Amino acid sequence: MRGVDLTTSSGGGGGEQLRRIRIEIILRGDKRRLREIREVLEPEFRGEEDVSVHIILEESLQVVLEGGDLPHILATVGTFSRLLSVYEGVSDLVENCRR
């Protein structure tokens, strides 16, 4: 699956395996429109326990999803996609999805 980086590293001393998944989605476009999208996304992801969600608006809108459980990450990506689908032509804003 493009845009998903699965990494596994050993934990400290106990031989325990730790897997962190990070997905970064970058939207570019009109700053006012990006601000509107951020205002829709932020309340939806506030208090999310299973996945860390960071929404940053600078020159682009960056949404970083991070966690250790792939099903929760994918569910969060699904929620993100459904929220964005209300914006006509938003697919034109999606620049890339990378590590």
PDB file of N, CA and C in Angstrom:
ATOM      1  N   MET A   1       0.849  -1.180   0.000  1.00  0.00           N
ATOM      2  CA  MET A   1       0.000   0.000   0.000  1.00  0.00           C
ATOM      3  C   MET A   1       0.890   1.238   0.000  1.00  0.00           C
ATOM      4  N   ARG A   2       0.774   2.065  -0.993  1.00  0.00           N
ATOM      5  CA  ARG A   2       1.615   3.241  -1.122  1.00  0.00           C
ATOM      6  C   ARG A   2       1.311   4.245  -0.014  1.00  0.00           C
ATOM      7  N   GLY A   3       2.360   4.838   0.537  1.00  0.00           N
ATOM      8  CA  GLY A   3       2.184   5.869   1.536  1.00  0.00           C
ATOM      9  C   GLY A   3       2.160   5.371   2.962  1.00  0.00           C
ATOM     10  N   VAL A   4       2.331   4.085   3.159  1.00  0.00           N
ATOM     11  CA  VAL A   4       2.340   3.540   4.517  1.00  0.00           C
ATOM     12  C   VAL A   4       3.713   2.963   4.784  1.00  0.00           C
ATOM     13  N   ASP A   5       4.323   3.362   5.876  1.00  0.00           N
ATOM     14  CA  ASP A   5       5.641   2.856   6.244  1.00  0.00           C
ATOM     15  C   ASP A   5       5.486   2.017   7.504  1.00  0.00           C
ATOM     16  N   LEU A   6       5.740   0.736   7.390  1.00  0.00           N
ATOM     17  CA  LEU A   6       5.676  -0.156   8.546  1.00  0.00           C
ATOM     18  C   LEU A   6       7.103  -0.415   9.005  1.00  0.00           C
ATOM     19  N   THR A   7       7.405  -0.066  10.231  1.00  0.00           N
ATOM     20  CA  THR A   7       8.751  -0.305  10.741  1.00  0.00           C
ATOM     21  C   THR A   7       8.667  -1.108  12.023  1.00  0.00           C
ATOM     22  N   THR A   8       9.621  -1.990  12.183  1.00  0.00           N
ATOM     23  CA  THR A   8       9.689  -2.784  13.405  1.00  0.00           C
ATOM     24  C   THR A   8      11.075  -2.608  13.992  1.00  0.00           C
ATOM     25  N   SER A   9      11.121  -2.328  15.278  1.00  0.00           N
ATOM     26  CA  SER A   9      12.419  -2.217  15.941  1.00  0.00           C
ATOM     27  C   SER A   9      12.318  -2.864  17.307  1.00  0.00           C
ATOM     28  N   SER A  10      13.457  -3.297  17.809  1.00  0.00           N
ATOM     29  CA  SER A  10      13.421  -3.961  19.115  1.00  0.00           C
ATOM     30  C   SER A  10      13.341  -2.925  20.223  1.00  0.00           C
ATOM     31  N   GLY A  11      12.612  -3.274  21.259  1.00  0.00           N
ATOM     32  CA  GLY A  11      12.439  -2.380  22.415  1.00  0.00           C
ATOM     33  C   GLY A  11      13.674  -2.393  23.291  1.00  0.00           C
ATOM     34  N   GLY A  12      13.652  -1.596  24.323  1.00  0.00           N
ATOM     35  CA  GLY A  12      14.810  -1.445  25.197  1.00  0.00           C
ATOM     36  C   GLY A  12      15.029  -2.619  26.120  1.00  0.00           C
ATOM     37  N   GLY A  13      15.977  -3.487  25.793  1.00  0.00           N
ATOM     38  CA  GLY A  13      16.430  -4.518  26.712  1.00  0.00           C
ATOM     39  C   GLY A  13      15.577  -5.755  26.825  1.00  0.00           C
ATOM     40  N   GLY A  14      14.271  -5.658  26.667  1.00  0.00           N
ATOM     41  CA  GLY A  14      13.409  -6.806  26.902  1.00  0.00           C
ATOM     42  C   GLY A  14      13.174  -7.681  25.690  1.00  0.00           C
ATOM     43  N   GLY A  15      13.763  -7.340  24.560  1.00  0.00           N
ATOM     44  CA  GLY A  15      13.529  -8.102  23.354  1.00  0.00           C
ATOM     45  C   GLY A  15      12.113  -7.911  22.820  1.00  0.00           C
ATOM     46  N   GLU A  16      11.410  -6.954  23.346  1.00  0.00           N
ATOM     47  CA  GLU A  16      10.028  -6.690  22.973  1.00  0.00           C
ATOM     48  C   GLU A  16       9.997  -5.979  21.620  1.00  0.00           C
ATOM     49  N   GLN A  17       9.054  -6.359  20.766  1.00  0.00           N
ATOM     50  CA  GLN A  17       8.945  -5.759  19.440  1.00  0.00           C
ATOM     51  C   GLN A  17       7.999  -4.563  19.484  1.00  0.00           C
ATOM     52  N   LEU A  18       8.412  -3.453  18.888  1.00  0.00           N
ATOM     53  CA  LEU A  18       7.608  -2.250  18.840  1.00  0.00           C
ATOM     54  C   LEU A  18       7.412  -1.873  17.379  1.00  0.00           C
ATOM     55  N   ARG A  19       6.169  -1.736  16.967  1.00  0.00           N
ATOM     56  CA  ARG A  19       5.888  -1.370  15.578  1.00  0.00           C
ATOM     57  C   ARG A  19       5.195  -0.017  15.579  1.00  0.00           C
ATOM     58  N   ARG A  20       5.760   0.919  14.837  1.00  0.00           N
ATOM     59  CA  ARG A  20       5.148   2.243  14.696  1.00  0.00           C
ATOM     60  C   ARG A  20       4.797   2.450  13.235  1.00  0.00           C
ATOM     61  N   ILE A  21       3.603   2.896  13.000  1.00  0.00           N
ATOM     62  CA  ILE A  21       3.138   3.168  11.650  1.00  0.00           C
ATOM     63  C   ILE A  21       2.912   4.671  11.557  1.00  0.00           C
ATOM     64  N   ARG A  22       3.422   5.267  10.499  1.00  0.00           N
ATOM     65  CA  ARG A  22       3.273   6.718  10.328  1.00  0.00           C
ATOM     66  C   ARG A  22       2.786   6.995   8.913  1.00  0.00           C
ATOM     67  N   ILE A  23       1.717   7.755   8.803  1.00  0.00           N
ATOM     68  CA  ILE A  23       1.195   8.177   7.507  1.00  0.00           C
ATOM     69  C   ILE A  23       1.136   9.695   7.525  1.00  0.00           C
ATOM     70  N   GLU A  24       1.709  10.314   6.515  1.00  0.00           N
ATOM     71  CA  GLU A  24       1.671  11.771   6.406  1.00  0.00           C
ATOM     72  C   GLU A  24       0.940  12.128   5.122  1.00  0.00           C
ATOM     73  N   ILE A  25      -0.088  12.942   5.240  1.00  0.00           N
ATOM     74  CA  ILE A  25      -0.876  13.366   4.085  1.00  0.00           C
ATOM     75  C   ILE A  25      -0.707  14.875   3.963  1.00  0.00           C
ATOM     76  N   ILE A  26      -0.352  15.338   2.777  1.00  0.00           N
ATOM     77  CA  ILE A  26      -0.119  16.763   2.570  1.00  0.00           C
ATOM     78  C   ILE A  26      -1.121  17.285   1.550  1.00  0.00           C
ATOM     79  N   LEU A  27      -1.841  18.337   1.923  1.00  0.00           N
ATOM     80  CA  LEU A  27      -2.775  18.997   1.019  1.00  0.00           C
ATOM     81  C   LEU A  27      -2.229  20.383   0.717  1.00  0.00           C
ATOM     82  N   ARG A  28      -2.252  20.754  -0.556  1.00  0.00           N
ATOM     83  CA  ARG A  28      -1.822  22.095  -0.945  1.00  0.00           C
ATOM     84  C   ARG A  28      -2.977  22.769  -1.671  1.00  0.00           C
ATOM     85  N   GLY A  29      -3.044  24.069  -1.553  1.00  0.00           N
ATOM     86  CA  GLY A  29      -4.096  24.812  -2.237  1.00  0.00           C
ATOM     87  C   GLY A  29      -4.314  26.150  -1.564  1.00  0.00           C
ATOM     88  N   ASP A  30      -5.474  26.712  -1.806  1.00  0.00           N
ATOM     89  CA  ASP A  30      -5.850  28.000  -1.247  1.00  0.00           C
ATOM     90  C   ASP A  30      -5.820  27.943   0.278  1.00  0.00           C
ATOM     91  N   LYS A  31      -5.101  28.883   0.884  1.00  0.00           N
ATOM     92  CA  LYS A  31      -4.919  28.884   2.342  1.00  0.00           C
ATOM     93  C   LYS A  31      -6.261  28.949   3.086  1.00  0.00           C
ATOM     94  N   ARG A  32      -7.200  29.720   2.566  1.00  0.00           N
ATOM     95  CA  ARG A  32      -8.509  29.840   3.214  1.00  0.00           C
ATOM     96  C   ARG A  32      -9.235  28.501   3.198  1.00  0.00           C
ATOM     97  N   ARG A  33      -9.155  27.818   2.081  1.00  0.00           N
ATOM     98  CA  ARG A  33      -9.806  26.508   1.963  1.00  0.00           C
ATOM     99  C   ARG A  33      -9.140  25.478   2.878  1.00  0.00           C
ATOM    100  N   LEU A  34      -7.824  25.516   2.943  1.00  0.00           N
ATOM    101  CA  LEU A  34      -7.109  24.601   3.833  1.00  0.00           C
ATOM    102  C   LEU A  34      -7.479  24.864   5.294  1.00  0.00           C
ATOM    103  N   ARG A  35      -7.661  26.133   5.649  1.00  0.00           N
ATOM    104  CA  ARG A  35      -8.056  26.482   7.017  1.00  0.00           C
ATOM    105  C   ARG A  35      -9.444  25.910   7.326  1.00  0.00           C
ATOM    106  N   GLU A  36     -10.360  25.989   6.344  1.00  0.00           N
ATOM    107  CA  GLU A  36     -11.702  25.419   6.523  1.00  0.00           C
ATOM    108  C   GLU A  36     -11.626  23.911   6.744  1.00  0.00           C
ATOM    109  N   ILE A  37     -10.780  23.248   5.961  1.00  0.00           N
ATOM    110  CA  ILE A  37     -10.634  21.795   6.098  1.00  0.00           C
ATOM    111  C   ILE A  37     -10.074  21.457   7.479  1.00  0.00           C
ATOM    112  N   ARG A  38      -9.084  22.217   7.922  1.00  0.00           N
ATOM    113  CA  ARG A  38      -8.512  21.985   9.257  1.00  0.00           C
ATOM    114  C   ARG A  38      -9.576  22.139  10.341  1.00  0.00           C
ATOM    115  N   GLU A  39     -10.445  23.137  10.197  1.00  0.00           N
ATOM    116  CA  GLU A  39     -11.501  23.364  11.189  1.00  0.00           C
ATOM    117  C   GLU A  39     -12.486  22.203  11.255  1.00  0.00           C
ATOM    118  N   VAL A  40     -12.662  21.494  10.140  1.00  0.00           N
ATOM    119  CA  VAL A  40     -13.533  20.315  10.127  1.00  0.00           C
ATOM    120  C   VAL A  40     -12.812  19.121  10.756  1.00  0.00           C
ATOM    121  N   LEU A  41     -11.529  18.961  10.443  1.00  0.00           N
ATOM    122  CA  LEU A  41     -10.783  17.789  10.900  1.00  0.00           C
ATOM    123  C   LEU A  41     -10.468  17.809  12.394  1.00  0.00           C
ATOM    124  N   GLU A  42     -10.047  18.956  12.911  1.00  0.00           N
ATOM    125  CA  GLU A  42      -9.565  19.012  14.296  1.00  0.00           C
ATOM    126  C   GLU A  42     -10.551  18.470  15.330  1.00  0.00           C
ATOM    127  N   PRO A  43     -11.827  18.884  15.316  1.00  0.00           N
ATOM    128  CA  PRO A  43     -12.745  18.355  16.338  1.00  0.00           C
ATOM    129  C   PRO A  43     -12.976  16.850  16.208  1.00  0.00           C
ATOM    130  N   GLU A  44     -12.911  16.338  14.988  1.00  0.00           N
ATOM    131  CA  GLU A  44     -13.154  14.916  14.760  1.00  0.00           C
ATOM    132  C   GLU A  44     -12.075  14.041  15.384  1.00  0.00           C
ATOM    133  N   PHE A  45     -10.839  14.533  15.413  1.00  0.00           N
ATOM    134  CA  PHE A  45      -9.729  13.716  15.894  1.00  0.00           C
ATOM    135  C   PHE A  45      -9.279  14.084  17.304  1.00  0.00           C
ATOM    136  N   ARG A  46      -9.902  15.081  17.907  1.00  0.00           N
ATOM    137  CA  ARG A  46      -9.546  15.478  19.277  1.00  0.00           C
ATOM    138  C   ARG A  46      -9.903  14.340  20.228  1.00  0.00           C
ATOM    139  N   GLY A  47      -8.988  13.963  21.081  1.00  0.00           N
ATOM    140  CA  GLY A  47      -9.250  12.907  22.054  1.00  0.00           C
ATOM    141  C   GLY A  47      -9.060  11.502  21.509  1.00  0.00           C
ATOM    142  N   GLU A  48      -8.565  11.370  20.277  1.00  0.00           N
ATOM    143  CA  GLU A  48      -8.298  10.048  19.688  1.00  0.00           C
ATOM    144  C   GLU A  48      -7.238   9.356  20.535  1.00  0.00           C
ATOM    145  N   GLU A  49      -7.531   8.147  20.999  1.00  0.00           N
ATOM    146  CA  GLU A  49      -6.615   7.457  21.910  1.00  0.00           C
ATOM    147  C   GLU A  49      -5.694   6.462  21.214  1.00  0.00           C
ATOM    148  N   ASP A  50      -6.185   5.798  20.173  1.00  0.00           N
ATOM    149  CA  ASP A  50      -5.414   4.722  19.556  1.00  0.00           C
ATOM    150  C   ASP A  50      -4.423   5.218  18.512  1.00  0.00           C
ATOM    151  N   VAL A  51      -4.682   6.399  17.963  1.00  0.00           N
ATOM    152  CA  VAL A  51      -3.832   6.935  16.911  1.00  0.00           C
ATOM    153  C   VAL A  51      -3.509   8.387  17.254  1.00  0.00           C
ATOM    154  N   SER A  52      -2.239   8.739  17.154  1.00  0.00           N
ATOM    155  CA  SER A  52      -1.827  10.122  17.352  1.00  0.00           C
ATOM    156  C   SER A  52      -2.074  10.874  16.046  1.00  0.00           C
ATOM    157  N   VAL A  53      -2.834  11.961  16.102  1.00  0.00           N
ATOM    158  CA  VAL A  53      -3.159  12.741  14.909  1.00  0.00           C
ATOM    159  C   VAL A  53      -2.653  14.165  15.112  1.00  0.00           C
ATOM    160  N   HIS A  54      -1.784  14.619  14.204  1.00  0.00           N
ATOM    161  CA  HIS A  54      -1.264  15.986  14.254  1.00  0.00           C
ATOM    162  C   HIS A  54      -1.708  16.694  12.980  1.00  0.00           C
ATOM    163  N   ILE A  55      -2.331  17.851  13.119  1.00  0.00           N
ATOM    164  CA  ILE A  55      -2.787  18.621  11.967  1.00  0.00           C
ATOM    165  C   ILE A  55      -2.055  19.960  12.002  1.00  0.00           C
ATOM    166  N   ILE A  56      -1.259  20.223  10.972  1.00  0.00           N
ATOM    167  CA  ILE A  56      -0.395  21.399  10.937  1.00  0.00           C
ATOM    168  C   ILE A  56      -0.734  22.203   9.682  1.00  0.00           C
ATOM    169  N   LEU A  57      -0.995  23.488   9.841  1.00  0.00           N
ATOM    170  CA  LEU A  57      -1.261  24.349   8.687  1.00  0.00           C
ATOM    171  C   LEU A  57      -0.153  25.384   8.594  1.00  0.00           C
ATOM    172  N   GLU A  58       0.659  25.252   7.540  1.00  0.00           N
ATOM    173  CA  GLU A  58       1.699  26.240   7.255  1.00  0.00           C
ATOM    174  C   GLU A  58       1.520  26.621   5.791  1.00  0.00           C
ATOM    175  N   GLU A  59       2.477  26.265   4.943  1.00  0.00           N
ATOM    176  CA  GLU A  59       2.307  26.485   3.506  1.00  0.00           C
ATOM    177  C   GLU A  59       1.373  25.442   2.904  1.00  0.00           C
ATOM    178  N   SER A  60       1.232  24.332   3.621  1.00  0.00           N
ATOM    179  CA  SER A  60       0.329  23.263   3.212  1.00  0.00           C
ATOM    180  C   SER A  60      -0.382  22.777   4.466  1.00  0.00           C
ATOM    181  N   LEU A  61      -1.389  21.944   4.278  1.00  0.00           N
ATOM    182  CA  LEU A  61      -2.060  21.319   5.416  1.00  0.00           C
ATOM    183  C   LEU A  61      -1.469  19.928   5.554  1.00  0.00           C
ATOM    184  N   GLN A  62      -0.814  19.654   6.677  1.00  0.00           N
ATOM    185  CA  GLN A  62      -0.178  18.361   6.906  1.00  0.00           C
ATOM    186  C   GLN A  62      -0.953  17.618   7.980  1.00  0.00           C
ATOM    187  N   VAL A  63      -1.346  16.407   7.650  1.00  0.00           N
ATOM    188  CA  VAL A  63      -2.036  15.556   8.611  1.00  0.00           C
ATOM    189  C   VAL A  63      -1.138  14.347   8.832  1.00  0.00           C
ATOM    190  N   VAL A  64      -0.643  14.182  10.058  1.00  0.00           N
ATOM    191  CA  VAL A  64       0.254  13.080  10.380  1.00  0.00           C
ATOM    192  C   VAL A  64      -0.480  12.131  11.315  1.00  0.00           C
ATOM    193  N   LEU A  65      -0.622  10.879  10.884  1.00  0.00           N
ATOM    194  CA  LEU A  65      -1.269   9.838  11.675  1.00  0.00           C
ATOM    195  C   LEU A  65      -0.186   8.879  12.126  1.00  0.00           C
ATOM    196  N   GLU A  66      -0.134   8.568  13.413  1.00  0.00           N
ATOM    197  CA  GLU A  66       0.922   7.699  13.915  1.00  0.00           C
ATOM    198  C   GLU A  66       0.364   6.799  15.009  1.00  0.00           C
ATOM    199  N   GLY A  67       0.750   5.538  14.968  1.00  0.00           N
ATOM    200  CA  GLY A  67       0.308   4.595  15.990  1.00  0.00           C
ATOM    201  C   GLY A  67       0.932   3.237  15.771  1.00  0.00           C
ATOM    202  N   GLY A  68       0.615   2.301  16.643  1.00  0.00           N
ATOM    203  CA  GLY A  68       1.206   0.979  16.554  1.00  0.00           C
ATOM    204  C   GLY A  68       0.246  -0.089  16.076  1.00  0.00           C
ATOM    205  N   ASP A  69      -0.986   0.292  15.768  1.00  0.00           N
ATOM    206  CA  ASP A  69      -2.005  -0.692  15.420  1.00  0.00           C
ATOM    207  C   ASP A  69      -2.555  -0.381  14.029  1.00  0.00           C
ATOM    208  N   LEU A  70      -2.218  -1.213  13.047  1.00  0.00           N
ATOM    209  CA  LEU A  70      -2.607  -0.964  11.661  1.00  0.00           C
ATOM    210  C   LEU A  70      -4.119  -0.807  11.482  1.00  0.00           C
ATOM    211  N   PRO A  71      -4.973  -1.652  12.076  1.00  0.00           N
ATOM    212  CA  PRO A  71      -6.421  -1.464  11.888  1.00  0.00           C
ATOM    213  C   PRO A  71      -6.917  -0.090  12.359  1.00  0.00           C
ATOM    214  N   HIS A  72      -6.381   0.408  13.472  1.00  0.00           N
ATOM    215  CA  HIS A  72      -6.798   1.733  13.947  1.00  0.00           C
ATOM    216  C   HIS A  72      -6.296   2.836  13.022  1.00  0.00           C
ATOM    217  N   ILE A  73      -5.078   2.687  12.518  1.00  0.00           N
ATOM    218  CA  ILE A  73      -4.543   3.669  11.567  1.00  0.00           C
ATOM    219  C   ILE A  73      -5.428   3.708  10.323  1.00  0.00           C
ATOM    220  N   LEU A  74      -5.752   2.524   9.778  1.00  0.00           N
ATOM    221  CA  LEU A  74      -6.564   2.478   8.561  1.00  0.00           C
ATOM    222  C   LEU A  74      -7.971   3.020   8.803  1.00  0.00           C
ATOM    223  N   ALA A  75      -8.537   2.761   9.970  1.00  0.00           N
ATOM    224  CA  ALA A  75      -9.854   3.308  10.303  1.00  0.00           C
ATOM    225  C   ALA A  75      -9.789   4.835  10.362  1.00  0.00           C
ATOM    226  N   THR A  76      -8.695   5.362  10.899  1.00  0.00           N
ATOM    227  CA  THR A  76      -8.531   6.812  10.984  1.00  0.00           C
ATOM    228  C   THR A  76      -8.371   7.411   9.595  1.00  0.00           C
ATOM    229  N   VAL A  77      -7.627   6.739   8.712  1.00  0.00           N
ATOM    230  CA  VAL A  77      -7.489   7.199   7.329  1.00  0.00           C
ATOM    231  C   VAL A  77      -8.862   7.194   6.659  1.00  0.00           C
ATOM    232  N   GLY A  78      -9.671   6.169   6.936  1.00  0.00           N
ATOM    233  CA  GLY A  78     -11.020   6.098   6.380  1.00  0.00           C
ATOM    234  C   GLY A  78     -11.881   7.261   6.842  1.00  0.00           C
ATOM    235  N   THR A  79     -11.801   7.594   8.120  1.00  0.00           N
ATOM    236  CA  THR A  79     -12.546   8.736   8.660  1.00  0.00           C
ATOM    237  C   THR A  79     -12.086  10.023   7.984  1.00  0.00           C
ATOM    238  N   PHE A  80     -10.773  10.173   7.849  1.00  0.00           N
ATOM    239  CA  PHE A  80     -10.193  11.341   7.187  1.00  0.00           C
ATOM    240  C   PHE A  80     -10.727  11.457   5.757  1.00  0.00           C
ATOM    241  N   SER A  81     -10.748  10.337   5.025  1.00  0.00           N
ATOM    242  CA  SER A  81     -11.225  10.337   3.637  1.00  0.00           C
ATOM    243  C   SER A  81     -12.696  10.728   3.554  1.00  0.00           C
ATOM    244  N   ARG A  82     -13.507  10.189   4.463  1.00  0.00           N
ATOM    245  CA  ARG A  82     -14.939  10.525   4.460  1.00  0.00           C
ATOM    246  C   ARG A  82     -15.159  12.009   4.750  1.00  0.00           C
ATOM    247  N   LEU A  83     -14.394  12.554   5.688  1.00  0.00           N
ATOM    248  CA  LEU A  83     -14.534  13.978   6.004  1.00  0.00           C
ATOM    249  C   LEU A  83     -14.138  14.848   4.814  1.00  0.00           C
ATOM    250  N   LEU A  84     -13.081  14.454   4.110  1.00  0.00           N
ATOM    251  CA  LEU A  84     -12.630  15.243   2.966  1.00  0.00           C
ATOM    252  C   LEU A  84     -13.567  15.126   1.776  1.00  0.00           C
ATOM    253  N   SER A  85     -14.315  14.036   1.698  1.00  0.00           N
ATOM    254  CA  SER A  85     -15.179  13.821   0.536  1.00  0.00           C
ATOM    255  C   SER A  85     -16.277  14.877   0.431  1.00  0.00           C
ATOM    256  N   VAL A  86     -16.545  15.610   1.514  1.00  0.00           N
ATOM    257  CA  VAL A  86     -17.562  16.662   1.457  1.00  0.00           C
ATOM    258  C   VAL A  86     -17.063  17.883   0.687  1.00  0.00           C
ATOM    259  N   TYR A  87     -15.762  17.979   0.477  1.00  0.00           N
ATOM    260  CA  TYR A  87     -15.205  19.110  -0.251  1.00  0.00           C
ATOM    261  C   TYR A  87     -15.073  18.752  -1.720  1.00  0.00           C
ATOM    262  N   GLU A  88     -15.805  19.449  -2.567  1.00  0.00           N
ATOM    263  CA  GLU A  88     -15.773  19.190  -4.002  1.00  0.00           C
ATOM    264  C   GLU A  88     -14.370  19.456  -4.546  1.00  0.00           C
ATOM    265  N   GLY A  89     -13.851  18.511  -5.294  1.00  0.00           N
ATOM    266  CA  GLY A  89     -12.548  18.672  -5.911  1.00  0.00           C
ATOM    267  C   GLY A  89     -11.379  18.564  -4.961  1.00  0.00           C
ATOM    268  N   VAL A  90     -11.603  18.030  -3.766  1.00  0.00           N
ATOM    269  CA  VAL A  90     -10.502  17.982  -2.803  1.00  0.00           C
ATOM    270  C   VAL A  90      -9.391  17.057  -3.277  1.00  0.00           C
ATOM    271  N   SER A  91      -9.712  16.089  -4.135  1.00  0.00           N
ATOM    272  CA  SER A  91      -8.666  15.189  -4.628  1.00  0.00           C
ATOM    273  C   SER A  91      -7.593  15.974  -5.380  1.00  0.00           C
ATOM    274  N   ASP A  92      -7.968  17.129  -5.932  1.00  0.00           N
ATOM    275  CA  ASP A  92      -6.982  17.966  -6.607  1.00  0.00           C
ATOM    276  C   ASP A  92      -5.980  18.555  -5.626  1.00  0.00           C
ATOM    277  N   LEU A  93      -6.358  18.619  -4.342  1.00  0.00           N
ATOM    278  CA  LEU A  93      -5.465  19.197  -3.340  1.00  0.00           C
ATOM    279  C   LEU A  93      -4.456  18.195  -2.807  1.00  0.00           C
ATOM    280  N   VAL A  94      -4.751  16.908  -2.958  1.00  0.00           N
ATOM    281  CA  VAL A  94      -3.886  15.898  -2.362  1.00  0.00           C
ATOM    282  C   VAL A  94      -2.607  15.799  -3.174  1.00  0.00           C
ATOM    283  N   GLU A  95      -1.512  16.242  -2.581  1.00  0.00           N
ATOM    284  CA  GLU A  95      -0.232  16.216  -3.290  1.00  0.00           C
ATOM    285  C   GLU A  95       0.400  14.839  -3.205  1.00  0.00           C
ATOM    286  N   ASN A  96       0.497  14.325  -2.004  1.00  0.00           N
ATOM    287  CA  ASN A  96       1.090  13.006  -1.847  1.00  0.00           C
ATOM    288  C   ASN A  96       0.784  12.458  -0.466  1.00  0.00           C
ATOM    289  N   CYS A  97       1.054  11.209  -0.333  1.00  0.00           N
ATOM    290  CA  CYS A  97       0.890  10.534   0.950  1.00  0.00           C
ATOM    291  C   CYS A  97       2.173   9.744   1.122  1.00  0.00           C
ATOM    292  N   ARG A  98       2.975  10.100   2.097  1.00  0.00           N
ATOM    293  CA  ARG A  98       4.293   9.477   2.221  1.00  0.00           C
ATOM    294  C   ARG A  98       4.611   9.209   3.673  1.00  0.00           C
ATOM    295  N   ARG A  99       5.739   8.573   3.870  1.00  0.00           N
ATOM    296  CA  ARG A  99       6.181   8.236   5.232  1.00  0.00           C
ATOM    297  C   ARG A  99       6.161   9.448   6.109  1.00  0.00           C
TER     298      ARG A  99
END
